[in-house]
Amino acid sequence: MIGKFLSRVPLAYRMLFPGARWRIPAIKGKSIYLTFDDGPIPEVTPWVLDQLDELGVKATFFCVADNVRKYPDLLAEILHRGHQVGNHTYHHLKALGCSTSRYMEDVYAAHELLQTRYFRPPYGHLKLSQTRALSHSFEIVMWDVLTRDYNPRISPECVLGYVKQYARNGSIVVFHDSIKAERNMRYAMPEAVRWLQAEGYHFLRMGDAP
């Protein structure tokens, strides 16, 4: 039951974030929004970009701006390859431990580097006051399927299984281009994309018409 709660957040929790995007179903056909959190980093992100090129899909990268500061060429490469980017705060802040003013300062500092209207809060938490403040300038993007690739106690096969079990039309799926998630993600992400393609899904970036 805990795994199910993490992989697909219940409707009651989603309702705490009015206006946030959790899923964007296509009216015709089946769509998937593949997203990555916490990069870009040189150890993982270039491999992800190469894999996406081979698979022929586009994704949205929710970037930690401090990583962008350290590796600006990786942000440029993400955009050059035709992917979308989103704001994941400057310092990967935990919203519940921050005042709204401090949190918004961090988000806007990240915006200076990323220049995107899409925002995803680290850990998927926000105070109501933060949600309201963010909604004036950003589209808040959560997820419909959390792969849990960052958990070292979960096998790569289990990560893939979460995608197969929970993905549906319009799902926003989260992987991580991070060191913590690398072992699971390197196996599960390409396999998940191939499986979804075989199931008839087409891949969209945030902002693409479903």
N, C-alpha and C. Protein backbone atom coordinates (compact mmCIF):
# COMPACT_ATOMS: atom_id res chain seq x y z
N MET A 1 0.83 -1.21 0.00
CA MET A 1 0.00 0.00 0.00
C MET A 1 0.86 1.26 0.00
N ILE A 2 1.98 1.25 0.76
CA ILE A 2 2.87 2.41 0.77
C ILE A 2 3.45 2.65 -0.61
N GLY A 3 3.87 1.55 -1.27
CA GLY A 3 4.43 1.68 -2.61
C GLY A 3 3.43 2.27 -3.59
N LYS A 4 2.17 1.83 -3.48
CA LYS A 4 1.14 2.36 -4.36
C LYS A 4 0.94 3.85 -4.11
N PHE A 5 0.93 4.27 -2.85
CA PHE A 5 0.75 5.68 -2.52
C PHE A 5 1.87 6.52 -3.14
N LEU A 6 3.11 6.02 -3.07
CA LEU A 6 4.24 6.77 -3.61
C LEU A 6 4.22 6.80 -5.13
N SER A 7 3.90 5.69 -5.76
CA SER A 7 3.98 5.61 -7.21
C SER A 7 2.83 6.35 -7.89
N ARG A 8 1.66 6.33 -7.30
CA ARG A 8 0.55 7.14 -7.80
C ARG A 8 -0.14 7.80 -6.62
N VAL A 9 0.01 9.09 -6.53
CA VAL A 9 -0.51 9.85 -5.39
C VAL A 9 -2.04 9.86 -5.42
N PRO A 10 -2.71 9.58 -4.32
CA PRO A 10 -4.17 9.54 -4.29
C PRO A 10 -4.80 10.89 -4.61
N LEU A 11 -6.04 10.84 -5.08
CA LEU A 11 -6.76 12.04 -5.47
C LEU A 11 -6.87 13.04 -4.33
N ALA A 12 -7.07 12.56 -3.11
CA ALA A 12 -7.23 13.46 -1.97
C ALA A 12 -6.00 14.33 -1.77
N TYR A 13 -4.80 13.75 -1.99
CA TYR A 13 -3.57 14.53 -1.86
C TYR A 13 -3.43 15.50 -3.02
N ARG A 14 -3.79 15.08 -4.20
CA ARG A 14 -3.69 15.96 -5.37
C ARG A 14 -4.54 17.21 -5.21
N MET A 15 -5.65 17.07 -4.53
CA MET A 15 -6.57 18.19 -4.36
C MET A 15 -6.00 19.28 -3.45
N LEU A 16 -4.91 18.98 -2.73
CA LEU A 16 -4.27 19.99 -1.89
C LEU A 16 -3.50 21.02 -2.71
N PHE A 17 -3.34 20.75 -4.02
CA PHE A 17 -2.55 21.63 -4.89
C PHE A 17 -3.41 22.09 -6.06
N PRO A 18 -4.35 23.00 -5.81
CA PRO A 18 -5.26 23.43 -6.87
C PRO A 18 -4.49 24.03 -8.05
N GLY A 19 -4.84 23.56 -9.23
CA GLY A 19 -4.22 24.07 -10.46
C GLY A 19 -2.98 23.33 -10.89
N ALA A 20 -2.42 22.46 -10.04
CA ALA A 20 -1.22 21.72 -10.41
C ALA A 20 -1.56 20.66 -11.45
N ARG A 21 -0.58 20.37 -12.30
CA ARG A 21 -0.73 19.33 -13.32
C ARG A 21 -0.21 18.00 -12.79
N TRP A 22 -1.05 17.01 -12.80
CA TRP A 22 -0.65 15.66 -12.42
C TRP A 22 -0.72 14.72 -13.62
N ARG A 23 -1.59 15.03 -14.55
CA ARG A 23 -1.84 14.16 -15.70
C ARG A 23 -2.49 15.00 -16.78
N ILE A 24 -2.15 14.74 -18.07
CA ILE A 24 -2.70 15.52 -19.18
C ILE A 24 -3.15 14.54 -20.27
N PRO A 25 -4.33 13.96 -20.14
CA PRO A 25 -4.77 12.95 -21.11
C PRO A 25 -4.98 13.53 -22.51
N ALA A 26 -4.58 12.77 -23.51
CA ALA A 26 -4.87 13.13 -24.89
C ALA A 26 -6.32 12.77 -25.21
N ILE A 27 -6.97 13.60 -26.01
CA ILE A 27 -8.34 13.32 -26.41
C ILE A 27 -8.37 12.16 -27.41
N LYS A 28 -7.37 12.15 -28.30
CA LYS A 28 -7.24 11.06 -29.27
C LYS A 28 -5.88 10.40 -29.06
N GLY A 29 -5.86 9.08 -29.06
CA GLY A 29 -4.60 8.38 -28.86
C GLY A 29 -4.21 8.34 -27.39
N LYS A 30 -2.95 7.98 -27.15
CA LYS A 30 -2.43 7.85 -25.79
C LYS A 30 -1.11 8.61 -25.69
N SER A 31 -1.02 9.51 -24.71
CA SER A 31 0.17 10.34 -24.53
C SER A 31 0.86 10.03 -23.21
N ILE A 32 2.17 10.26 -23.19
CA ILE A 32 2.99 10.14 -21.98
C ILE A 32 3.92 11.33 -21.92
N TYR A 33 4.09 11.89 -20.73
CA TYR A 33 5.05 12.98 -20.51
C TYR A 33 6.20 12.41 -19.68
N LEU A 34 7.33 12.19 -20.31
CA LEU A 34 8.52 11.66 -19.65
C LEU A 34 9.29 12.83 -19.04
N THR A 35 9.56 12.76 -17.75
CA THR A 35 10.26 13.87 -17.08
C THR A 35 11.42 13.32 -16.24
N PHE A 36 12.40 14.20 -16.03
CA PHE A 36 13.58 13.88 -15.22
C PHE A 36 13.80 14.98 -14.20
N ASP A 37 14.12 14.59 -12.98
CA ASP A 37 14.38 15.55 -11.90
C ASP A 37 15.83 15.51 -11.45
N ASP A 38 16.27 16.65 -10.92
CA ASP A 38 17.47 16.80 -10.09
C ASP A 38 18.77 17.04 -10.84
N GLY A 39 18.81 16.90 -12.16
CA GLY A 39 20.03 17.20 -12.91
C GLY A 39 20.11 18.69 -13.21
N PRO A 40 20.96 19.04 -14.16
CA PRO A 40 21.80 18.15 -14.95
C PRO A 40 23.15 17.91 -14.27
N ILE A 41 23.67 16.70 -14.46
CA ILE A 41 25.01 16.39 -13.95
C ILE A 41 25.78 15.63 -15.03
N PRO A 42 27.10 15.82 -15.10
CA PRO A 42 27.87 15.21 -16.20
C PRO A 42 27.95 13.70 -16.14
N GLU A 43 27.76 13.12 -14.95
CA GLU A 43 27.85 11.66 -14.82
C GLU A 43 26.66 10.92 -15.42
N VAL A 44 25.51 11.59 -15.54
CA VAL A 44 24.29 10.88 -15.93
C VAL A 44 23.55 11.55 -17.10
N THR A 45 23.40 12.86 -17.06
CA THR A 45 22.55 13.54 -18.04
C THR A 45 22.97 13.32 -19.49
N PRO A 46 24.25 13.37 -19.85
CA PRO A 46 24.60 13.11 -21.26
C PRO A 46 24.17 11.72 -21.73
N TRP A 47 24.29 10.71 -20.85
CA TRP A 47 23.83 9.37 -21.21
C TRP A 47 22.33 9.37 -21.46
N VAL A 48 21.56 10.06 -20.61
CA VAL A 48 20.12 10.14 -20.80
C VAL A 48 19.79 10.78 -22.15
N LEU A 49 20.47 11.86 -22.46
CA LEU A 49 20.21 12.55 -23.73
C LEU A 49 20.50 11.64 -24.92
N ASP A 50 21.58 10.89 -24.87
CA ASP A 50 21.90 9.97 -25.96
C ASP A 50 20.85 8.88 -26.09
N GLN A 51 20.39 8.35 -24.95
CA GLN A 51 19.36 7.32 -24.98
C GLN A 51 18.06 7.85 -25.58
N LEU A 52 17.69 9.06 -25.20
CA LEU A 52 16.46 9.63 -25.74
C LEU A 52 16.55 9.85 -27.24
N ASP A 53 17.73 10.25 -27.71
CA ASP A 53 17.94 10.37 -29.15
C ASP A 53 17.74 9.02 -29.84
N GLU A 54 18.34 7.97 -29.28
CA GLU A 54 18.22 6.63 -29.87
C GLU A 54 16.77 6.14 -29.86
N LEU A 55 16.05 6.47 -28.80
CA LEU A 55 14.66 6.03 -28.67
C LEU A 55 13.69 6.91 -29.46
N GLY A 56 14.15 8.09 -29.86
CA GLY A 56 13.32 8.99 -30.65
C GLY A 56 12.22 9.67 -29.87
N VAL A 57 12.50 10.00 -28.60
CA VAL A 57 11.48 10.67 -27.79
C VAL A 57 12.06 11.94 -27.17
N LYS A 58 11.15 12.85 -26.84
CA LYS A 58 11.52 14.09 -26.15
C LYS A 58 10.98 14.05 -24.73
N ALA A 59 11.64 14.80 -23.85
CA ALA A 59 11.30 14.78 -22.44
C ALA A 59 11.37 16.19 -21.86
N THR A 60 11.02 16.30 -20.59
CA THR A 60 11.13 17.55 -19.86
C THR A 60 12.05 17.33 -18.67
N PHE A 61 13.06 18.19 -18.53
CA PHE A 61 14.05 18.07 -17.46
C PHE A 61 13.81 19.16 -16.42
N PHE A 62 13.43 18.77 -15.22
CA PHE A 62 13.26 19.71 -14.12
C PHE A 62 14.60 19.85 -13.42
N CYS A 63 15.25 20.97 -13.67
CA CYS A 63 16.66 21.16 -13.31
C CYS A 63 16.83 21.89 -11.99
N VAL A 64 17.78 21.43 -11.20
CA VAL A 64 18.24 22.16 -10.02
C VAL A 64 19.20 23.23 -10.51
N ALA A 65 18.89 24.49 -10.24
CA ALA A 65 19.64 25.58 -10.86
C ALA A 65 21.10 25.63 -10.40
N ASP A 66 21.40 25.15 -9.21
CA ASP A 66 22.79 25.12 -8.79
C ASP A 66 23.60 24.17 -9.68
N ASN A 67 22.98 23.09 -10.16
CA ASN A 67 23.64 22.23 -11.13
C ASN A 67 23.81 22.94 -12.47
N VAL A 68 22.82 23.71 -12.85
CA VAL A 68 22.92 24.49 -14.09
C VAL A 68 24.05 25.51 -13.99
N ARG A 69 24.18 26.12 -12.82
CA ARG A 69 25.28 27.07 -12.62
C ARG A 69 26.63 26.38 -12.81
N LYS A 70 26.76 25.17 -12.29
CA LYS A 70 28.03 24.45 -12.38
C LYS A 70 28.26 23.85 -13.77
N TYR A 71 27.18 23.49 -14.46
CA TYR A 71 27.32 22.81 -15.75
C TYR A 71 26.41 23.46 -16.79
N PRO A 72 26.65 24.72 -17.12
CA PRO A 72 25.76 25.41 -18.06
C PRO A 72 25.71 24.77 -19.44
N ASP A 73 26.79 24.12 -19.86
CA ASP A 73 26.78 23.48 -21.17
C ASP A 73 25.76 22.35 -21.24
N LEU A 74 25.47 21.71 -20.10
CA LEU A 74 24.48 20.64 -20.10
C LEU A 74 23.08 21.18 -20.32
N LEU A 75 22.77 22.32 -19.73
CA LEU A 75 21.47 22.94 -20.01
C LEU A 75 21.36 23.29 -21.49
N ALA A 76 22.42 23.85 -22.03
CA ALA A 76 22.41 24.19 -23.45
C ALA A 76 22.21 22.95 -24.32
N GLU A 77 22.80 21.84 -23.92
CA GLU A 77 22.67 20.61 -24.69
C GLU A 77 21.26 20.03 -24.60
N ILE A 78 20.66 20.11 -23.41
CA ILE A 78 19.27 19.67 -23.26
C ILE A 78 18.37 20.42 -24.23
N LEU A 79 18.52 21.73 -24.28
CA LEU A 79 17.70 22.56 -25.17
C LEU A 79 18.05 22.30 -26.63
N HIS A 80 19.32 22.14 -26.93
CA HIS A 80 19.77 21.89 -28.31
C HIS A 80 19.16 20.60 -28.85
N ARG A 81 18.99 19.62 -27.98
CA ARG A 81 18.44 18.33 -28.42
C ARG A 81 16.91 18.34 -28.50
N GLY A 82 16.31 19.49 -28.21
CA GLY A 82 14.87 19.63 -28.41
C GLY A 82 13.99 19.29 -27.23
N HIS A 83 14.58 19.24 -26.05
CA HIS A 83 13.80 18.92 -24.86
C HIS A 83 13.33 20.19 -24.16
N GLN A 84 12.36 20.03 -23.28
CA GLN A 84 11.84 21.14 -22.48
C GLN A 84 12.56 21.13 -21.13
N VAL A 85 12.60 22.30 -20.47
CA VAL A 85 13.17 22.36 -19.14
C VAL A 85 12.16 22.95 -18.16
N GLY A 86 12.31 22.58 -16.89
CA GLY A 86 11.49 23.10 -15.82
C GLY A 86 12.36 23.50 -14.64
N ASN A 87 11.77 24.26 -13.75
CA ASN A 87 12.44 24.80 -12.56
C ASN A 87 12.22 23.84 -11.40
N HIS A 88 13.31 23.43 -10.75
CA HIS A 88 13.25 22.50 -9.61
C HIS A 88 13.91 23.14 -8.39
N THR A 89 13.78 24.45 -8.29
CA THR A 89 14.41 25.33 -7.29
C THR A 89 15.92 25.45 -7.53
N TYR A 90 16.53 26.36 -6.84
CA TYR A 90 17.98 26.57 -6.99
C TYR A 90 18.77 25.56 -6.16
N HIS A 91 18.30 25.29 -4.95
CA HIS A 91 19.07 24.46 -4.02
C HIS A 91 18.36 23.16 -3.62
N HIS A 92 17.37 22.73 -4.42
CA HIS A 92 16.60 21.53 -4.12
C HIS A 92 16.00 21.62 -2.72
N LEU A 93 15.29 22.70 -2.49
CA LEU A 93 14.77 22.99 -1.16
C LEU A 93 13.56 22.13 -0.79
N LYS A 94 13.46 21.81 0.48
CA LYS A 94 12.26 21.20 1.03
C LYS A 94 11.29 22.31 1.42
N ALA A 95 10.18 22.36 0.73
CA ALA A 95 9.24 23.47 0.92
C ALA A 95 8.70 23.57 2.33
N LEU A 96 8.42 22.43 2.95
CA LEU A 96 7.79 22.46 4.28
C LEU A 96 8.73 23.00 5.35
N GLY A 97 10.03 23.04 5.08
CA GLY A 97 10.98 23.59 6.03
C GLY A 97 11.36 25.02 5.76
N CYS A 98 10.68 25.65 4.79
CA CYS A 98 11.03 27.02 4.39
C CYS A 98 9.85 27.96 4.55
N SER A 99 10.15 29.19 4.87
CA SER A 99 9.12 30.22 4.78
C SER A 99 8.78 30.43 3.30
N THR A 100 7.59 30.94 3.06
CA THR A 100 7.19 31.19 1.68
C THR A 100 8.11 32.20 1.02
N SER A 101 8.52 33.22 1.74
CA SER A 101 9.40 34.24 1.14
C SER A 101 10.76 33.65 0.78
N ARG A 102 11.32 32.83 1.65
CA ARG A 102 12.61 32.18 1.36
C ARG A 102 12.49 31.22 0.19
N TYR A 103 11.41 30.48 0.16
CA TYR A 103 11.21 29.52 -0.92
C TYR A 103 11.09 30.24 -2.27
N MET A 104 10.32 31.29 -2.30
CA MET A 104 10.12 32.03 -3.55
C MET A 104 11.41 32.71 -4.01
N GLU A 105 12.22 33.17 -3.09
CA GLU A 105 13.53 33.72 -3.46
C GLU A 105 14.37 32.68 -4.18
N ASP A 106 14.35 31.47 -3.68
CA ASP A 106 15.12 30.39 -4.29
C ASP A 106 14.58 30.04 -5.67
N VAL A 107 13.26 29.98 -5.79
CA VAL A 107 12.63 29.66 -7.07
C VAL A 107 12.95 30.73 -8.11
N TYR A 108 12.85 31.99 -7.72
CA TYR A 108 13.12 33.06 -8.68
C TYR A 108 14.61 33.16 -9.03
N ALA A 109 15.48 32.81 -8.09
CA ALA A 109 16.91 32.74 -8.43
C ALA A 109 17.14 31.66 -9.48
N ALA A 110 16.44 30.54 -9.35
CA ALA A 110 16.53 29.49 -10.37
C ALA A 110 15.96 29.97 -11.70
N HIS A 111 14.90 30.75 -11.63
CA HIS A 111 14.27 31.25 -12.87
C HIS A 111 15.23 32.12 -13.68
N GLU A 112 16.11 32.81 -13.00
CA GLU A 112 17.08 33.66 -13.71
C GLU A 112 17.93 32.82 -14.66
N LEU A 113 18.22 31.58 -14.29
CA LEU A 113 19.04 30.71 -15.14
C LEU A 113 18.20 29.88 -16.10
N LEU A 114 16.98 29.52 -15.70
CA LEU A 114 16.21 28.56 -16.48
C LEU A 114 15.18 29.18 -17.41
N GLN A 115 14.59 30.29 -17.02
CA GLN A 115 13.64 31.00 -17.87
C GLN A 115 12.55 30.07 -18.41
N THR A 116 11.85 29.42 -17.50
CA THR A 116 10.77 28.51 -17.89
C THR A 116 9.57 28.74 -17.00
N ARG A 117 8.40 28.49 -17.55
CA ARG A 117 7.19 28.67 -16.73
C ARG A 117 6.81 27.42 -15.97
N TYR A 118 7.52 26.32 -16.19
CA TYR A 118 7.18 25.06 -15.54
C TYR A 118 7.97 24.88 -14.24
N PHE A 119 7.28 24.48 -13.20
CA PHE A 119 7.92 24.32 -11.89
C PHE A 119 7.47 23.02 -11.25
N ARG A 120 8.44 22.29 -10.69
CA ARG A 120 8.11 21.11 -9.89
C ARG A 120 8.82 21.22 -8.54
N PRO A 121 8.08 21.11 -7.44
CA PRO A 121 8.71 21.21 -6.12
C PRO A 121 9.48 19.93 -5.77
N PRO A 122 10.71 20.04 -5.31
CA PRO A 122 11.40 18.85 -4.80
C PRO A 122 10.56 18.15 -3.73
N TYR A 123 10.57 16.83 -3.79
CA TYR A 123 9.84 15.97 -2.84
C TYR A 123 8.32 16.03 -3.01
N GLY A 124 7.83 16.87 -3.92
CA GLY A 124 6.39 16.92 -4.18
C GLY A 124 5.57 17.56 -3.09
N HIS A 125 6.18 18.41 -2.26
CA HIS A 125 5.46 19.06 -1.16
C HIS A 125 5.48 20.58 -1.34
N LEU A 126 4.38 21.20 -0.96
CA LEU A 126 4.29 22.66 -0.91
C LEU A 126 3.30 23.05 0.18
N LYS A 127 3.56 24.17 0.82
CA LYS A 127 2.56 24.79 1.67
C LYS A 127 1.52 25.47 0.77
N LEU A 128 0.31 25.65 1.30
CA LEU A 128 -0.73 26.31 0.52
C LEU A 128 -0.30 27.71 0.11
N SER A 129 0.37 28.43 1.02
CA SER A 129 0.83 29.79 0.69
C SER A 129 1.86 29.77 -0.44
N GLN A 130 2.70 28.74 -0.49
CA GLN A 130 3.68 28.61 -1.56
C GLN A 130 3.00 28.27 -2.88
N THR A 131 2.02 27.39 -2.81
CA THR A 131 1.26 27.04 -4.02
C THR A 131 0.61 28.28 -4.62
N ARG A 132 0.02 29.09 -3.77
CA ARG A 132 -0.65 30.30 -4.25
C ARG A 132 0.36 31.27 -4.85
N ALA A 133 1.51 31.44 -4.18
CA ALA A 133 2.52 32.37 -4.68
C ALA A 133 3.10 31.90 -6.01
N LEU A 134 3.36 30.61 -6.13
CA LEU A 134 3.92 30.06 -7.36
C LEU A 134 2.96 30.17 -8.53
N SER A 135 1.67 30.00 -8.26
CA SER A 135 0.68 29.95 -9.34
C SER A 135 0.56 31.26 -10.09
N HIS A 136 1.05 32.35 -9.52
CA HIS A 136 1.00 33.64 -10.22
C HIS A 136 1.97 33.68 -11.39
N SER A 137 3.07 32.92 -11.32
CA SER A 137 4.11 33.01 -12.33
C SER A 137 4.47 31.69 -13.00
N PHE A 138 4.04 30.56 -12.40
CA PHE A 138 4.48 29.26 -12.90
C PHE A 138 3.32 28.29 -13.04
N GLU A 139 3.52 27.32 -13.90
CA GLU A 139 2.62 26.17 -13.98
C GLU A 139 3.24 25.06 -13.13
N ILE A 140 2.57 24.65 -12.09
CA ILE A 140 3.10 23.64 -11.18
C ILE A 140 2.83 22.25 -11.77
N VAL A 141 3.91 21.49 -11.94
CA VAL A 141 3.83 20.17 -12.57
C VAL A 141 4.23 19.12 -11.54
N MET A 142 3.32 18.25 -11.20
CA MET A 142 3.61 17.15 -10.29
C MET A 142 3.84 15.89 -11.11
N TRP A 143 3.16 14.77 -10.78
CA TRP A 143 3.35 13.54 -11.54
C TRP A 143 2.17 12.61 -11.33
N ASP A 144 2.01 11.72 -12.29
CA ASP A 144 1.02 10.65 -12.19
C ASP A 144 1.69 9.32 -11.85
N VAL A 145 2.97 9.16 -12.26
CA VAL A 145 3.72 7.94 -11.97
C VAL A 145 5.11 8.33 -11.46
N LEU A 146 5.39 8.00 -10.22
CA LEU A 146 6.73 8.17 -9.65
C LEU A 146 7.42 6.82 -9.69
N THR A 147 8.52 6.73 -10.44
CA THR A 147 9.17 5.43 -10.65
C THR A 147 9.93 4.94 -9.43
N ARG A 148 10.28 5.83 -8.51
CA ARG A 148 11.04 5.49 -7.30
C ARG A 148 12.42 4.93 -7.64
N ASP A 149 12.97 5.39 -8.76
CA ASP A 149 14.29 4.91 -9.19
C ASP A 149 15.41 5.31 -8.24
N TYR A 150 15.16 6.29 -7.40
CA TYR A 150 16.15 6.80 -6.45
C TYR A 150 16.33 5.89 -5.23
N ASN A 151 15.48 4.89 -5.07
CA ASN A 151 15.49 4.05 -3.87
C ASN A 151 16.41 2.85 -4.07
N PRO A 152 17.53 2.77 -3.35
CA PRO A 152 18.47 1.67 -3.57
C PRO A 152 17.94 0.32 -3.10
N ARG A 153 16.86 0.32 -2.34
CA ARG A 153 16.28 -0.93 -1.86
C ARG A 153 15.32 -1.55 -2.88
N ILE A 154 15.08 -0.83 -3.97
CA ILE A 154 14.19 -1.31 -5.02
C ILE A 154 15.03 -1.74 -6.22
N SER A 155 14.68 -2.85 -6.82
CA SER A 155 15.44 -3.36 -7.97
C SER A 155 15.08 -2.60 -9.24
N PRO A 156 15.96 -2.60 -10.24
CA PRO A 156 15.63 -1.98 -11.54
C PRO A 156 14.37 -2.58 -12.15
N GLU A 157 14.17 -3.88 -11.97
CA GLU A 157 12.99 -4.53 -12.52
C GLU A 157 11.71 -4.03 -11.85
N CYS A 158 11.79 -3.74 -10.55
CA CYS A 158 10.62 -3.17 -9.86
C CYS A 158 10.30 -1.78 -10.37
N VAL A 159 11.34 -0.99 -10.61
CA VAL A 159 11.12 0.36 -11.15
C VAL A 159 10.38 0.28 -12.48
N LEU A 160 10.84 -0.60 -13.35
CA LEU A 160 10.15 -0.81 -14.61
C LEU A 160 8.71 -1.27 -14.38
N GLY A 161 8.53 -2.15 -13.40
CA GLY A 161 7.20 -2.64 -13.10
C GLY A 161 6.23 -1.56 -12.68
N TYR A 162 6.72 -0.54 -11.96
CA TYR A 162 5.85 0.57 -11.57
C TYR A 162 5.30 1.30 -12.79
N VAL A 163 6.17 1.50 -13.79
CA VAL A 163 5.70 2.16 -15.01
C VAL A 163 4.65 1.30 -15.70
N LYS A 164 4.92 0.02 -15.84
CA LYS A 164 3.97 -0.86 -16.51
C LYS A 164 2.64 -0.94 -15.76
N GLN A 165 2.69 -0.88 -14.45
CA GLN A 165 1.47 -1.01 -13.66
C GLN A 165 0.63 0.27 -13.64
N TYR A 166 1.29 1.41 -13.57
CA TYR A 166 0.55 2.65 -13.30
C TYR A 166 0.42 3.60 -14.49
N ALA A 167 1.22 3.46 -15.54
CA ALA A 167 1.13 4.40 -16.67
C ALA A 167 -0.22 4.29 -17.36
N ARG A 168 -0.74 5.43 -17.76
CA ARG A 168 -2.02 5.51 -18.46
C ARG A 168 -2.00 6.74 -19.34
N ASN A 169 -3.04 6.90 -20.13
CA ASN A 169 -3.11 8.05 -21.04
C ASN A 169 -2.95 9.36 -20.27
N GLY A 170 -1.95 10.15 -20.66
CA GLY A 170 -1.72 11.45 -20.04
C GLY A 170 -0.81 11.43 -18.84
N SER A 171 -0.27 10.27 -18.48
CA SER A 171 0.60 10.19 -17.29
C SER A 171 1.84 11.06 -17.44
N ILE A 172 2.16 11.77 -16.37
CA ILE A 172 3.45 12.44 -16.23
C ILE A 172 4.32 11.50 -15.40
N VAL A 173 5.38 10.99 -16.01
CA VAL A 173 6.22 9.96 -15.41
C VAL A 173 7.54 10.58 -14.97
N VAL A 174 8.00 10.27 -13.76
CA VAL A 174 9.22 10.85 -13.21
C VAL A 174 10.32 9.81 -13.09
N PHE A 175 11.45 10.07 -13.77
CA PHE A 175 12.72 9.44 -13.50
C PHE A 175 13.67 10.51 -12.96
N HIS A 176 14.89 10.13 -12.60
CA HIS A 176 15.87 11.08 -12.07
C HIS A 176 17.21 10.91 -12.78
N ASP A 177 17.76 12.01 -13.29
CA ASP A 177 19.12 11.97 -13.84
C ASP A 177 20.08 12.39 -12.71
N SER A 178 20.24 11.45 -11.77
CA SER A 178 21.04 11.70 -10.57
C SER A 178 21.90 10.49 -10.27
N ILE A 179 22.94 10.70 -9.47
CA ILE A 179 23.81 9.59 -9.06
C ILE A 179 23.01 8.55 -8.27
N LYS A 180 22.16 9.02 -7.37
CA LYS A 180 21.40 8.10 -6.51
C LYS A 180 20.52 7.16 -7.33
N ALA A 181 19.95 7.67 -8.41
CA ALA A 181 19.01 6.89 -9.21
C ALA A 181 19.68 6.14 -10.36
N GLU A 182 20.96 6.38 -10.59
CA GLU A 182 21.60 5.94 -11.84
C GLU A 182 21.43 4.45 -12.11
N ARG A 183 21.70 3.61 -11.14
CA ARG A 183 21.66 2.16 -11.38
C ARG A 183 20.27 1.73 -11.86
N ASN A 184 19.24 2.15 -11.15
CA ASN A 184 17.89 1.77 -11.54
C ASN A 184 17.44 2.43 -12.83
N MET A 185 17.76 3.71 -12.96
CA MET A 185 17.27 4.46 -14.12
C MET A 185 17.90 3.96 -15.42
N ARG A 186 19.20 3.63 -15.39
CA ARG A 186 19.87 3.18 -16.62
C ARG A 186 19.22 1.92 -17.20
N TYR A 187 18.72 1.07 -16.33
CA TYR A 187 18.01 -0.12 -16.83
C TYR A 187 16.55 0.20 -17.16
N ALA A 188 15.86 0.81 -16.23
CA ALA A 188 14.40 0.91 -16.32
C ALA A 188 13.92 1.93 -17.34
N MET A 189 14.60 3.06 -17.47
CA MET A 189 14.08 4.11 -18.34
C MET A 189 14.01 3.67 -19.81
N PRO A 190 15.10 3.17 -20.41
CA PRO A 190 14.96 2.75 -21.81
C PRO A 190 13.96 1.62 -22.00
N GLU A 191 13.94 0.68 -21.06
CA GLU A 191 12.99 -0.43 -21.15
C GLU A 191 11.55 0.08 -21.04
N ALA A 192 11.32 1.04 -20.16
CA ALA A 192 9.98 1.61 -20.00
C ALA A 192 9.55 2.34 -21.26
N VAL A 193 10.45 3.11 -21.85
CA VAL A 193 10.11 3.83 -23.08
C VAL A 193 9.76 2.84 -24.20
N ARG A 194 10.56 1.81 -24.35
CA ARG A 194 10.27 0.82 -25.40
C ARG A 194 8.92 0.14 -25.16
N TRP A 195 8.64 -0.19 -23.90
CA TRP A 195 7.37 -0.82 -23.59
C TRP A 195 6.20 0.12 -23.88
N LEU A 196 6.33 1.37 -23.49
CA LEU A 196 5.26 2.34 -23.74
C LEU A 196 5.06 2.57 -25.23
N GLN A 197 6.14 2.63 -25.98
CA GLN A 197 6.02 2.76 -27.43
C GLN A 197 5.27 1.57 -28.03
N ALA A 198 5.62 0.37 -27.56
CA ALA A 198 4.95 -0.83 -28.05
C ALA A 198 3.46 -0.84 -27.69
N GLU A 199 3.11 -0.18 -26.59
CA GLU A 199 1.72 -0.08 -26.16
C GLU A 199 0.96 1.03 -26.87
N GLY A 200 1.64 1.76 -27.76
CA GLY A 200 0.97 2.77 -28.56
C GLY A 200 0.99 4.18 -28.01
N TYR A 201 1.82 4.45 -27.01
CA TYR A 201 1.92 5.80 -26.46
C TYR A 201 2.83 6.68 -27.31
N HIS A 202 2.48 7.95 -27.41
CA HIS A 202 3.40 8.93 -28.01
C HIS A 202 3.87 9.87 -26.91
N PHE A 203 5.11 10.32 -27.03
CA PHE A 203 5.77 11.08 -25.97
C PHE A 203 5.71 12.57 -26.26
N LEU A 204 5.35 13.33 -25.23
CA LEU A 204 5.23 14.78 -25.34
C LEU A 204 6.05 15.46 -24.27
N ARG A 205 6.45 16.70 -24.55
CA ARG A 205 7.09 17.55 -23.56
C ARG A 205 6.01 18.43 -22.91
N MET A 206 6.30 18.95 -21.75
CA MET A 206 5.40 19.95 -21.18
C MET A 206 5.27 21.10 -22.18
N GLY A 207 4.05 21.49 -22.42
CA GLY A 207 3.79 22.56 -23.38
C GLY A 207 3.35 22.06 -24.73
N ASP A 208 3.61 20.78 -25.04
CA ASP A 208 3.12 20.22 -26.31
C ASP A 208 1.63 19.95 -26.19
N ALA A 209 0.93 20.10 -27.31
CA ALA A 209 -0.50 19.83 -27.30
C ALA A 209 -0.75 18.33 -27.23
N PRO A 210 -1.60 17.88 -26.30
CA PRO A 210 -1.87 16.45 -26.17
C PRO A 210 -2.72 15.92 -27.33
